[in-house]
Amino acid sequence: MVHRVIRTPADLDMLKAFLDGRPLPLSVEITEGRDRSKEQNKLAFKWYGEISEQTGEDVEDVRARCKLEIGVPIMRRGSDKFRETYDRLVRPLPHADKLELIRDTEMPVTSLMKIKQMTEYLDLMFRRHSEFGIVLTIPPDRYAYDPDKSGSRRADQRAAA
């Protein structure tokens, strides 16, 4: 299977040339957006560490808690397949068991997110921890995180986890 990320008109021209050279019939799947950026990933891990330092909570526990309480609701809303599998296998478990599962197996949650979903994850992570006086680094890359984004789905997300 061929996977291409199209960022520029030149990338699009290369894809067109590639498709022109392929025998027919063929199937093409197009997904809008792109994979989340390295900057977003680095920021999330930086924040896990900052939260850990300020709360005394183990950094892997912080990561698991954020993935469960913030990331899972985003993924359940954005992916039927994730929601169906999560609801069947994980949702019935007690909260502590869910945290342990996510922490000890590194269950994919944030690694499945696209940039828009990861931006929402970071935004909610920032807002939730700021409410408790935890200070998190705000990066100069406004694409990785947008602290001025309005609105929050915090109550809906807590109920879904």
C-alpha atoms as a PDB file:
ATOM      1  CA  MET A   1       0.000   0.000   0.000  1.00  0.00           C
ATOM      2  CA  VAL A   2       1.302   3.438  -0.908  1.00  0.00           C
ATOM      3  CA  HIS A   3       0.923   6.308   1.549  1.00  0.00           C
ATOM      4  CA  ARG A   4       1.669   9.889   0.568  1.00  0.00           C
ATOM      5  CA  VAL A   5       1.291  13.114   2.510  1.00  0.00           C
ATOM      6  CA  ILE A   6       0.521  16.045   0.234  1.00  0.00           C
ATOM      7  CA  ARG A   7       1.746  19.352   1.645  1.00  0.00           C
ATOM      8  CA  THR A   8       2.559  21.384  -1.437  1.00  0.00           C
ATOM      9  CA  PRO A   9       1.388  21.760  -5.032  1.00  0.00           C
ATOM     10  CA  ALA A  10       4.597  19.961  -6.074  1.00  0.00           C
ATOM     11  CA  ASP A  11       3.637  16.994  -3.862  1.00  0.00           C
ATOM     12  CA  LEU A  12       0.246  16.930  -5.556  1.00  0.00           C
ATOM     13  CA  ASP A  13       1.867  16.991  -9.010  1.00  0.00           C
ATOM     14  CA  MET A  14       4.066  14.026  -8.008  1.00  0.00           C
ATOM     15  CA  LEU A  15       1.001  12.110  -6.817  1.00  0.00           C
ATOM     16  CA  LYS A  16      -0.793  12.823 -10.091  1.00  0.00           C
ATOM     17  CA  ALA A  17       2.212  11.548 -12.059  1.00  0.00           C
ATOM     18  CA  PHE A  18       2.338   8.435  -9.885  1.00  0.00           C
ATOM     19  CA  LEU A  19      -1.374   7.744 -10.400  1.00  0.00           C
ATOM     20  CA  ASP A  20      -1.107   8.336 -14.163  1.00  0.00           C
ATOM     21  CA  GLY A  21       1.469   5.535 -14.328  1.00  0.00           C
ATOM     22  CA  ARG A  22      -0.619   2.970 -12.416  1.00  0.00           C
ATOM     23  CA  PRO A  23      -2.665   0.304 -14.225  1.00  0.00           C
ATOM     24  CA  LEU A  24      -6.427   0.482 -13.809  1.00  0.00           C
ATOM     25  CA  PRO A  25      -8.537  -0.390 -11.948  1.00  0.00           C
ATOM     26  CA  LEU A  26      -7.248   0.857  -8.606  1.00  0.00           C
ATOM     27  CA  SER A  27      -8.716   2.203  -5.374  1.00  0.00           C
ATOM     28  CA  VAL A  28      -7.694   5.471  -3.787  1.00  0.00           C
ATOM     29  CA  GLU A  29      -8.428   6.644  -0.259  1.00  0.00           C
ATOM     30  CA  ILE A  30      -8.016  10.301   0.647  1.00  0.00           C
ATOM     31  CA  THR A  31      -7.889  11.498   4.237  1.00  0.00           C
ATOM     32  CA  GLU A  32      -7.995  15.207   4.948  1.00  0.00           C
ATOM     33  CA  GLY A  33      -5.484  16.617   7.358  1.00  0.00           C
ATOM     34  CA  ARG A  34      -2.150  15.079   8.200  1.00  0.00           C
ATOM     35  CA  ASP A  35      -0.530  13.071  10.922  1.00  0.00           C
ATOM     36  CA  ARG A  36       0.067  14.973  14.082  1.00  0.00           C
ATOM     37  CA  SER A  37       3.261  16.924  14.208  1.00  0.00           C
ATOM     38  CA  LYS A  38       6.445  16.075  16.067  1.00  0.00           C
ATOM     39  CA  GLU A  39       6.054  19.393  17.869  1.00  0.00           C
ATOM     40  CA  GLN A  40       2.721  18.326  19.330  1.00  0.00           C
ATOM     41  CA  ASN A  41       4.171  15.030  20.495  1.00  0.00           C
ATOM     42  CA  LYS A  42       7.151  16.753  22.138  1.00  0.00           C
ATOM     43  CA  LEU A  43       4.828  19.254  23.808  1.00  0.00           C
ATOM     44  CA  ALA A  44       2.584  16.548  25.262  1.00  0.00           C
ATOM     45  CA  PHE A  45       5.589  14.758  26.771  1.00  0.00           C
ATOM     46  CA  LYS A  46       6.983  18.049  28.085  1.00  0.00           C
ATOM     47  CA  TRP A  47       3.645  18.729  29.782  1.00  0.00           C
ATOM     48  CA  TYR A  48       3.442  15.226  31.258  1.00  0.00           C
ATOM     49  CA  GLY A  49       6.811  15.950  32.860  1.00  0.00           C
ATOM     50  CA  GLU A  50       5.812  19.416  34.074  1.00  0.00           C
ATOM     51  CA  ILE A  51       2.587  18.067  35.593  1.00  0.00           C
ATOM     52  CA  SER A  52       4.546  15.274  37.268  1.00  0.00           C
ATOM     53  CA  GLU A  53       7.083  17.719  38.710  1.00  0.00           C
ATOM     54  CA  GLN A  54       4.375  19.987  40.123  1.00  0.00           C
ATOM     55  CA  THR A  55       2.058  17.300  41.495  1.00  0.00           C
ATOM     56  CA  GLY A  56       4.425  14.531  42.520  1.00  0.00           C
ATOM     57  CA  GLU A  57       2.422  12.101  40.369  1.00  0.00           C
ATOM     58  CA  ASP A  58       4.527   9.602  38.414  1.00  0.00           C
ATOM     59  CA  VAL A  59       4.994  10.830  34.832  1.00  0.00           C
ATOM     60  CA  GLU A  60       3.627   7.579  33.364  1.00  0.00           C
ATOM     61  CA  ASP A  61       0.556   7.899  35.605  1.00  0.00           C
ATOM     62  CA  VAL A  62       0.053  11.474  34.348  1.00  0.00           C
ATOM     63  CA  ARG A  63       0.325  10.253  30.772  1.00  0.00           C
ATOM     64  CA  ALA A  64      -2.148   7.393  31.331  1.00  0.00           C
ATOM     65  CA  ARG A  65      -4.623   9.673  33.141  1.00  0.00           C
ATOM     66  CA  CYS A  66      -4.522  12.292  30.392  1.00  0.00           C
ATOM     67  CA  LYS A  67      -4.917   9.653  27.689  1.00  0.00           C
ATOM     68  CA  LEU A  68      -7.897   8.132  29.505  1.00  0.00           C
ATOM     69  CA  GLU A  69      -9.709  11.250  30.680  1.00  0.00           C
ATOM     70  CA  ILE A  70      -8.953  13.555  27.755  1.00  0.00           C
ATOM     71  CA  GLY A  71      -7.773  11.453  24.819  1.00  0.00           C
ATOM     72  CA  VAL A  72     -10.239   8.575  24.950  1.00  0.00           C
ATOM     73  CA  PRO A  73     -13.308  10.835  24.690  1.00  0.00           C
ATOM     74  CA  ILE A  74     -11.776  12.632  21.692  1.00  0.00           C
ATOM     75  CA  MET A  75     -11.048   9.328  19.956  1.00  0.00           C
ATOM     76  CA  ARG A  76     -14.444   7.824  20.843  1.00  0.00           C
ATOM     77  CA  ARG A  77     -16.127  10.829  19.244  1.00  0.00           C
ATOM     78  CA  GLY A  78     -13.850  10.800  16.185  1.00  0.00           C
ATOM     79  CA  SER A  79     -13.585   7.109  15.325  1.00  0.00           C
ATOM     80  CA  ASP A  80     -16.401   4.581  15.184  1.00  0.00           C
ATOM     81  CA  LYS A  81     -13.899   1.717  15.188  1.00  0.00           C
ATOM     82  CA  PHE A  82     -12.081   3.060  18.277  1.00  0.00           C
ATOM     83  CA  ARG A  83     -15.368   3.708  20.087  1.00  0.00           C
ATOM     84  CA  GLU A  84     -16.774   0.256  19.344  1.00  0.00           C
ATOM     85  CA  THR A  85     -13.608  -1.550  20.431  1.00  0.00           C
ATOM     86  CA  TYR A  86     -13.043   0.637  23.488  1.00  0.00           C
ATOM     87  CA  ASP A  87     -16.662   0.355  24.610  1.00  0.00           C
ATOM     88  CA  ARG A  88     -16.665  -3.421  24.236  1.00  0.00           C
ATOM     89  CA  LEU A  89     -13.289  -4.187  25.824  1.00  0.00           C
ATOM     90  CA  VAL A  90     -12.252  -1.313  28.077  1.00  0.00           C
ATOM     91  CA  ARG A  91     -15.212   0.820  29.107  1.00  0.00           C
ATOM     92  CA  PRO A  92     -16.728  -1.840  31.424  1.00  0.00           C
ATOM     93  CA  LEU A  93     -13.532  -1.896  33.518  1.00  0.00           C
ATOM     94  CA  PRO A  94     -13.182   0.090  36.757  1.00  0.00           C
ATOM     95  CA  HIS A  95     -11.348   3.414  36.353  1.00  0.00           C
ATOM     96  CA  ALA A  96      -8.198   2.152  38.120  1.00  0.00           C
ATOM     97  CA  ASP A  97      -8.012  -0.855  35.783  1.00  0.00           C
ATOM     98  CA  LYS A  98      -8.400   1.391  32.736  1.00  0.00           C
ATOM     99  CA  LEU A  99      -5.488   3.526  33.945  1.00  0.00           C
ATOM    100  CA  GLU A 100      -3.359   0.453  34.544  1.00  0.00           C
ATOM    101  CA  LEU A 101      -4.199  -0.950  31.103  1.00  0.00           C
ATOM    102  CA  ILE A 102      -3.320   2.290  29.344  1.00  0.00           C
ATOM    103  CA  ARG A 103      -0.129   2.798  31.368  1.00  0.00           C
ATOM    104  CA  ASP A 104       1.212  -0.754  31.299  1.00  0.00           C
ATOM    105  CA  THR A 105       0.351  -1.633  27.691  1.00  0.00           C
ATOM    106  CA  GLU A 106       0.899   1.829  26.195  1.00  0.00           C
ATOM    107  CA  MET A 107      -2.562   1.454  24.672  1.00  0.00           C
ATOM    108  CA  PRO A 108      -2.692   3.646  21.573  1.00  0.00           C
ATOM    109  CA  VAL A 109      -4.801   6.736  22.089  1.00  0.00           C
ATOM    110  CA  THR A 110      -2.874   9.912  21.273  1.00  0.00           C
ATOM    111  CA  SER A 111      -0.734   8.071  18.731  1.00  0.00           C
ATOM    112  CA  LEU A 112      -3.907   7.560  16.672  1.00  0.00           C
ATOM    113  CA  MET A 113      -4.796  11.258  16.634  1.00  0.00           C
ATOM    114  CA  LYS A 114      -4.565  13.617  13.702  1.00  0.00           C
ATOM    115  CA  ILE A 115      -3.312  17.172  14.211  1.00  0.00           C
ATOM    116  CA  LYS A 116      -6.757  18.656  14.898  1.00  0.00           C
ATOM    117  CA  GLN A 117      -7.526  15.989  17.520  1.00  0.00           C
ATOM    118  CA  MET A 118      -4.116  16.396  19.140  1.00  0.00           C
ATOM    119  CA  THR A 119      -4.619  20.164  19.234  1.00  0.00           C
ATOM    120  CA  GLU A 120      -7.895  19.614  21.089  1.00  0.00           C
ATOM    121  CA  TYR A 121      -6.152  17.137  23.430  1.00  0.00           C
ATOM    122  CA  LEU A 122      -3.408  19.653  24.242  1.00  0.00           C
ATOM    123  CA  ASP A 123      -5.920  22.462  24.687  1.00  0.00           C
ATOM    124  CA  LEU A 124      -7.996  20.446  27.160  1.00  0.00           C
ATOM    125  CA  MET A 125      -4.889  19.192  28.942  1.00  0.00           C
ATOM    126  CA  PHE A 126      -3.689  22.783  29.378  1.00  0.00           C
ATOM    127  CA  ARG A 127      -7.067  24.067  30.568  1.00  0.00           C
ATOM    128  CA  ARG A 128      -7.744  21.207  32.980  1.00  0.00           C
ATOM    129  CA  HIS A 129      -4.368  21.452  34.683  1.00  0.00           C
ATOM    130  CA  SER A 130      -4.384  25.261  34.728  1.00  0.00           C
ATOM    131  CA  GLU A 131      -7.568  25.081  36.801  1.00  0.00           C
ATOM    132  CA  PHE A 132      -5.468  23.449  39.518  1.00  0.00           C
ATOM    133  CA  GLY A 133      -2.705  26.054  39.335  1.00  0.00           C
ATOM    134  CA  ILE A 134      -0.326  23.891  37.336  1.00  0.00           C
ATOM    135  CA  VAL A 135       1.882  25.992  35.079  1.00  0.00           C
ATOM    136  CA  LEU A 136       2.625  24.522  31.667  1.00  0.00           C
ATOM    137  CA  THR A 137       4.999  25.828  29.017  1.00  0.00           C
ATOM    138  CA  ILE A 138       3.261  27.574  26.123  1.00  0.00           C
ATOM    139  CA  PRO A 139       5.271  26.986  22.939  1.00  0.00           C
ATOM    140  CA  PRO A 140       5.822  29.645  20.296  1.00  0.00           C
ATOM    141  CA  ASP A 141       4.432  27.206  17.678  1.00  0.00           C
ATOM    142  CA  ARG A 142       0.777  28.213  17.578  1.00  0.00           C
ATOM    143  CA  TYR A 143       0.062  25.265  15.291  1.00  0.00           C
ATOM    144  CA  ALA A 144       1.048  22.772  17.976  1.00  0.00           C
ATOM    145  CA  TYR A 145      -1.208  24.350  20.562  1.00  0.00           C
ATOM    146  CA  ASP A 146      -3.785  27.149  20.550  1.00  0.00           C
ATOM    147  CA  PRO A 147      -4.428  28.439  24.097  1.00  0.00           C
ATOM    148  CA  ASP A 148      -6.886  31.036  22.793  1.00  0.00           C
ATOM    149  CA  LYS A 149      -9.202  28.380  21.363  1.00  0.00           C
ATOM    150  CA  SER A 150     -12.614  28.894  22.906  1.00  0.00           C
ATOM    151  CA  GLY A 151     -14.969  26.281  24.268  1.00  0.00           C
ATOM    152  CA  SER A 152     -14.419  23.076  26.133  1.00  0.00           C
ATOM    153  CA  ARG A 153     -15.923  19.611  26.118  1.00  0.00           C
ATOM    154  CA  ARG A 154     -14.539  18.723  29.550  1.00  0.00           C
ATOM    155  CA  ALA A 155     -17.811  17.541  31.138  1.00  0.00           C
ATOM    156  CA  ASP A 156     -18.743  15.443  28.100  1.00  0.00           C
ATOM    157  CA  GLN A 157     -15.295  13.899  28.033  1.00  0.00           C
ATOM    158  CA  ARG A 158     -15.224  12.995  31.708  1.00  0.00           C
ATOM    159  CA  ALA A 159     -18.590  11.253  31.328  1.00  0.00           C
ATOM    160  CA  ALA A 160     -17.413   9.307  28.271  1.00  0.00           C
ATOM    161  CA  ALA A 161     -14.277   7.940  29.955  1.00  0.00           C
END
